[in-house]
């Protein structure tokens, strides 16, 4: 088992900042007058695409860092 400690920035602060930025962007879109025009199927498709891109990016970073899953 690896006894290296991860820096506090990477473990707690960075994900918190990313969540705040994500919610700020979501709030901005929801305040737009055009928000009611978006169809549910389009929103679900965009969320699915974003999820796939996010997972792919994380896996690429894991492979480049050489971490075994």
N, C-alpha and C. Protein backbone atom coordinates (compact mmCIF):
# COMPACT_ATOMS: atom_id res chain seq x y z
N UNK A 1 0.84 -1.18 0.00
CA UNK A 1 0.00 0.00 0.00
C UNK A 1 0.89 1.24 0.00
N UNK A 2 0.47 2.22 -0.74
CA UNK A 2 1.25 3.44 -0.86
C UNK A 2 0.93 4.37 0.31
N UNK A 3 1.97 4.81 1.02
CA UNK A 3 1.76 5.65 2.19
C UNK A 3 1.89 7.14 1.90
N UNK A 4 2.02 7.49 0.61
CA UNK A 4 2.11 8.92 0.28
C UNK A 4 0.78 9.60 0.58
N UNK A 5 0.87 10.77 1.16
CA UNK A 5 -0.34 11.54 1.43
C UNK A 5 -0.56 12.50 0.28
N UNK A 6 -1.80 12.59 -0.14
CA UNK A 6 -2.15 13.52 -1.20
C UNK A 6 -2.23 14.93 -0.61
N UNK A 7 -1.85 15.92 -1.39
CA UNK A 7 -1.95 17.28 -0.89
C UNK A 7 -3.41 17.68 -0.63
N UNK A 8 -3.60 18.48 0.38
CA UNK A 8 -4.94 18.92 0.76
C UNK A 8 -5.64 19.63 -0.40
N UNK A 9 -4.88 20.36 -1.20
CA UNK A 9 -5.45 21.08 -2.34
C UNK A 9 -6.14 20.12 -3.31
N UNK A 10 -5.49 19.02 -3.63
CA UNK A 10 -6.04 18.09 -4.60
C UNK A 10 -7.22 17.31 -4.04
N UNK A 11 -7.25 17.07 -2.77
CA UNK A 11 -8.28 16.21 -2.19
C UNK A 11 -9.54 16.98 -1.82
N UNK A 12 -9.42 18.14 -1.25
CA UNK A 12 -10.59 18.86 -0.74
C UNK A 12 -10.91 20.14 -1.49
N UNK A 13 -9.93 20.95 -1.70
CA UNK A 13 -10.19 22.29 -2.21
C UNK A 13 -10.52 22.30 -3.70
N UNK A 14 -9.76 21.56 -4.50
CA UNK A 14 -9.98 21.57 -5.94
C UNK A 14 -11.36 21.04 -6.33
N UNK A 15 -11.81 19.89 -5.81
CA UNK A 15 -13.18 19.46 -6.15
C UNK A 15 -14.25 20.45 -5.69
N UNK A 16 -14.05 21.09 -4.54
CA UNK A 16 -15.01 22.07 -4.06
C UNK A 16 -15.09 23.26 -5.01
N UNK A 17 -13.95 23.72 -5.50
CA UNK A 17 -13.93 24.83 -6.45
C UNK A 17 -14.63 24.44 -7.74
N UNK A 18 -14.39 23.22 -8.22
CA UNK A 18 -15.03 22.77 -9.44
C UNK A 18 -16.54 22.67 -9.29
N UNK A 19 -17.01 22.24 -8.14
CA UNK A 19 -18.45 22.16 -7.90
C UNK A 19 -19.05 23.57 -7.87
N UNK A 20 -18.38 24.50 -7.25
CA UNK A 20 -18.87 25.88 -7.19
C UNK A 20 -18.95 26.49 -8.59
N UNK A 21 -17.91 26.26 -9.40
CA UNK A 21 -17.90 26.79 -10.77
C UNK A 21 -19.02 26.14 -11.59
N UNK A 22 -19.22 24.84 -11.40
CA UNK A 22 -20.30 24.15 -12.12
C UNK A 22 -21.67 24.69 -11.75
N UNK A 23 -21.90 24.90 -10.45
CA UNK A 23 -23.19 25.44 -10.02
C UNK A 23 -23.37 26.89 -10.48
N UNK A 24 -22.29 27.65 -10.55
CA UNK A 24 -22.39 29.02 -11.05
C UNK A 24 -22.80 29.03 -12.52
N UNK A 25 -22.22 28.14 -13.30
CA UNK A 25 -22.59 28.04 -14.71
C UNK A 25 -24.03 27.58 -14.88
N UNK A 26 -24.45 26.61 -14.08
CA UNK A 26 -25.83 26.13 -14.14
C UNK A 26 -26.80 27.24 -13.75
N UNK A 27 -26.47 28.00 -12.73
CA UNK A 27 -27.33 29.11 -12.30
C UNK A 27 -27.45 30.16 -13.40
N UNK A 28 -26.34 30.42 -14.08
CA UNK A 28 -26.36 31.40 -15.16
C UNK A 28 -27.29 30.96 -16.28
N UNK A 29 -27.23 29.67 -16.63
CA UNK A 29 -28.10 29.16 -17.69
C UNK A 29 -29.56 29.19 -17.24
N UNK A 30 -29.81 28.84 -15.97
CA UNK A 30 -31.19 28.81 -15.49
C UNK A 30 -31.80 30.20 -15.40
N UNK A 31 -30.99 31.23 -15.24
CA UNK A 31 -31.51 32.59 -15.16
C UNK A 31 -31.79 33.18 -16.54
N UNK A 32 -31.34 32.49 -17.60
CA UNK A 32 -31.55 32.98 -18.95
C UNK A 32 -33.01 32.88 -19.35
N UNK A 33 -33.52 33.87 -20.07
CA UNK A 33 -34.92 33.80 -20.51
C UNK A 33 -35.17 32.65 -21.49
N UNK A 34 -34.13 32.18 -22.15
CA UNK A 34 -34.27 31.10 -23.12
C UNK A 34 -34.27 29.72 -22.47
N UNK A 35 -34.12 29.64 -21.17
CA UNK A 35 -34.02 28.35 -20.49
C UNK A 35 -35.28 27.51 -20.67
N UNK A 36 -36.44 28.14 -20.71
CA UNK A 36 -37.69 27.41 -20.86
C UNK A 36 -37.84 26.79 -22.25
N UNK A 37 -37.08 27.25 -23.21
CA UNK A 37 -37.17 26.74 -24.58
C UNK A 37 -36.46 25.39 -24.71
N UNK A 38 -35.48 25.12 -23.85
CA UNK A 38 -34.72 23.87 -23.96
C UNK A 38 -35.63 22.67 -23.74
N UNK A 39 -35.50 21.68 -24.61
CA UNK A 39 -36.28 20.46 -24.44
C UNK A 39 -35.55 19.52 -23.48
N UNK A 40 -36.30 18.74 -22.75
CA UNK A 40 -35.72 17.82 -21.76
C UNK A 40 -34.78 16.83 -22.41
N UNK A 41 -35.14 16.32 -23.59
CA UNK A 41 -34.30 15.34 -24.25
C UNK A 41 -32.95 15.95 -24.63
N UNK A 42 -32.93 17.22 -25.00
CA UNK A 42 -31.66 17.87 -25.33
C UNK A 42 -30.79 18.03 -24.09
N UNK A 43 -31.41 18.38 -22.98
CA UNK A 43 -30.66 18.54 -21.73
C UNK A 43 -30.07 17.21 -21.28
N UNK A 44 -30.85 16.14 -21.37
CA UNK A 44 -30.36 14.81 -20.98
C UNK A 44 -29.22 14.38 -21.89
N UNK A 45 -29.34 14.64 -23.19
CA UNK A 45 -28.28 14.28 -24.12
C UNK A 45 -27.00 15.05 -23.83
N UNK A 46 -27.10 16.34 -23.52
CA UNK A 46 -25.92 17.12 -23.18
C UNK A 46 -25.28 16.65 -21.88
N UNK A 47 -26.10 16.30 -20.89
CA UNK A 47 -25.56 15.78 -19.63
C UNK A 47 -24.84 14.46 -19.86
N UNK A 48 -25.42 13.59 -20.67
CA UNK A 48 -24.77 12.32 -20.98
C UNK A 48 -23.46 12.50 -21.71
N UNK A 49 -23.43 13.42 -22.67
CA UNK A 49 -22.20 13.69 -23.40
C UNK A 49 -21.13 14.25 -22.46
N UNK A 50 -21.53 15.17 -21.59
CA UNK A 50 -20.57 15.73 -20.64
C UNK A 50 -20.03 14.68 -19.69
N UNK A 51 -20.88 13.77 -19.26
CA UNK A 51 -20.45 12.68 -18.39
C UNK A 51 -19.43 11.80 -19.10
N UNK A 52 -19.72 11.45 -20.34
CA UNK A 52 -18.79 10.60 -21.11
C UNK A 52 -17.44 11.31 -21.31
N UNK A 53 -17.47 12.59 -21.65
CA UNK A 53 -16.22 13.32 -21.81
C UNK A 53 -15.45 13.41 -20.49
N UNK A 54 -16.16 13.62 -19.41
CA UNK A 54 -15.51 13.70 -18.10
C UNK A 54 -14.85 12.39 -17.71
N UNK A 55 -15.55 11.27 -17.91
CA UNK A 55 -14.97 9.97 -17.59
C UNK A 55 -13.77 9.68 -18.47
N UNK A 56 -13.89 9.99 -19.76
CA UNK A 56 -12.76 9.77 -20.67
C UNK A 56 -11.55 10.61 -20.27
N UNK A 57 -11.78 11.85 -19.86
CA UNK A 57 -10.68 12.71 -19.46
C UNK A 57 -9.99 12.18 -18.21
N UNK A 58 -10.78 11.72 -17.25
CA UNK A 58 -10.20 11.16 -16.03
C UNK A 58 -9.39 9.92 -16.34
N UNK A 59 -9.91 9.06 -17.21
CA UNK A 59 -9.17 7.84 -17.56
C UNK A 59 -7.88 8.16 -18.30
N UNK A 60 -7.90 9.15 -19.17
CA UNK A 60 -6.67 9.55 -19.87
C UNK A 60 -5.64 10.07 -18.87
N UNK A 61 -6.08 10.86 -17.92
CA UNK A 61 -5.16 11.39 -16.90
C UNK A 61 -4.59 10.25 -16.07
N UNK A 62 -5.42 9.27 -15.71
CA UNK A 62 -4.94 8.13 -14.94
C UNK A 62 -3.90 7.35 -15.73
N UNK A 63 -4.14 7.12 -17.02
CA UNK A 63 -3.18 6.40 -17.85
C UNK A 63 -1.88 7.18 -17.98
N UNK A 64 -1.96 8.48 -18.18
CA UNK A 64 -0.75 9.30 -18.34
C UNK A 64 0.06 9.38 -17.05
N UNK A 65 -0.60 9.33 -15.91
CA UNK A 65 0.12 9.36 -14.63
C UNK A 65 0.68 8.00 -14.26
N UNK A 66 0.19 6.96 -14.93
CA UNK A 66 0.71 5.62 -14.66
C UNK A 66 0.12 4.97 -13.43
N UNK A 67 -1.06 5.40 -13.01
CA UNK A 67 -1.70 4.84 -11.83
C UNK A 67 -2.44 3.57 -12.25
N UNK A 68 -2.27 2.51 -11.48
CA UNK A 68 -2.99 1.27 -11.78
C UNK A 68 -4.36 1.31 -11.13
N UNK A 69 -5.35 0.86 -11.88
CA UNK A 69 -6.73 0.85 -11.37
C UNK A 69 -6.99 -0.47 -10.66
